[in-house]
Amino acid sequence: MILAVGEALMEFRRSTADGVLVVPGRWDGPFASGAPAIFASVAARLGAPAALGAAVGADRFGDALVE
């Protein structure tokens, strides 16, 4: 059994490749993210028994991560 412990979070990405973050622009997301969560997900998809130990907030992002 693989147990990954750490953050599960929601990520937003700038949809343009110009690298400018300090001016208004278009963002894509939210996307489920967090290195331990991604690791556990990939391990499970490869057939390993895997689990994630993480906490999420009591909000829409937390609900989406649990789903």
Protein backbone atom coordinates (compact mmCIF):
# COMPACT_ATOMS: atom_id res chain seq x y z
CA MET A 1 0.00 0.00 0.00
CA ILE A 2 1.26 3.44 -0.96
CA LEU A 3 0.20 6.22 1.40
CA ALA A 4 0.84 9.77 0.20
CA VAL A 5 0.43 12.45 2.88
CA GLY A 6 0.37 16.14 2.02
CA GLU A 7 -1.50 18.87 0.25
CA ALA A 8 -4.44 18.58 -2.07
CA LEU A 9 -5.20 21.94 -3.64
CA MET A 10 -6.86 23.69 -6.54
CA GLU A 11 -4.66 25.28 -9.18
CA PHE A 12 -5.31 28.13 -11.60
CA ARG A 13 -3.15 28.68 -14.67
CA ARG A 14 -2.69 31.73 -16.85
CA SER A 15 -4.13 30.82 -20.24
CA THR A 16 -1.61 32.91 -22.16
CA ALA A 17 2.06 32.06 -22.58
CA ASP A 18 3.32 35.63 -22.11
CA GLY A 19 4.19 35.02 -18.45
CA VAL A 20 2.59 38.27 -17.28
CA LEU A 21 0.88 37.78 -13.91
CA VAL A 22 0.52 41.33 -12.59
CA VAL A 23 -2.11 42.56 -15.05
CA PRO A 24 -5.67 41.39 -15.55
CA GLY A 25 -5.97 38.52 -17.96
CA ARG A 26 -7.57 35.17 -18.66
CA TRP A 27 -7.04 32.27 -16.25
CA ASP A 28 -7.98 28.61 -16.68
CA GLY A 29 -9.04 26.31 -13.88
CA PRO A 30 -9.57 25.33 -11.24
CA PHE A 31 -7.70 22.05 -11.59
CA ALA A 32 -7.14 19.51 -8.81
CA SER A 33 -3.44 19.58 -7.93
CA GLY A 34 -0.82 19.12 -5.22
CA ALA A 35 2.21 16.86 -5.62
CA PRO A 36 1.14 14.17 -3.10
CA ALA A 37 -2.38 14.04 -4.57
CA ILE A 38 -1.06 13.73 -8.11
CA PHE A 39 1.41 11.02 -7.01
CA ALA A 40 -1.33 8.96 -5.32
CA SER A 41 -3.61 9.35 -8.35
CA VAL A 42 -0.94 8.20 -10.80
CA ALA A 43 0.09 5.27 -8.59
CA ALA A 44 -3.55 4.12 -8.39
CA ARG A 45 -3.99 4.43 -12.17
CA LEU A 46 -0.91 2.25 -12.62
CA GLY A 47 -2.56 -0.43 -10.48
CA ALA A 48 -0.90 0.11 -7.09
CA PRO A 49 -3.09 0.19 -4.00
CA ALA A 50 -2.82 3.85 -3.00
CA ALA A 51 -4.38 6.29 -0.54
CA LEU A 52 -4.03 10.01 0.16
CA GLY A 53 -3.99 11.61 3.59
CA ALA A 54 -4.88 15.28 3.21
CA ALA A 55 -7.25 17.91 4.57
CA VAL A 56 -9.53 20.10 2.47
CA GLY A 57 -11.57 23.17 3.28
CA ALA A 58 -15.31 23.28 3.86
CA ASP A 59 -15.98 25.14 0.62
CA ARG A 60 -16.63 24.49 -3.08
CA PHE A 61 -12.94 23.78 -3.78
CA GLY A 62 -12.82 21.25 -0.95
CA ASP A 63 -16.01 19.60 -2.24
CA ALA A 64 -14.52 19.36 -5.74
CA LEU A 65 -11.31 17.78 -4.41
CA VAL A 66 -13.23 15.14 -2.45
CA GLU A 67 -15.38 14.38 -5.50
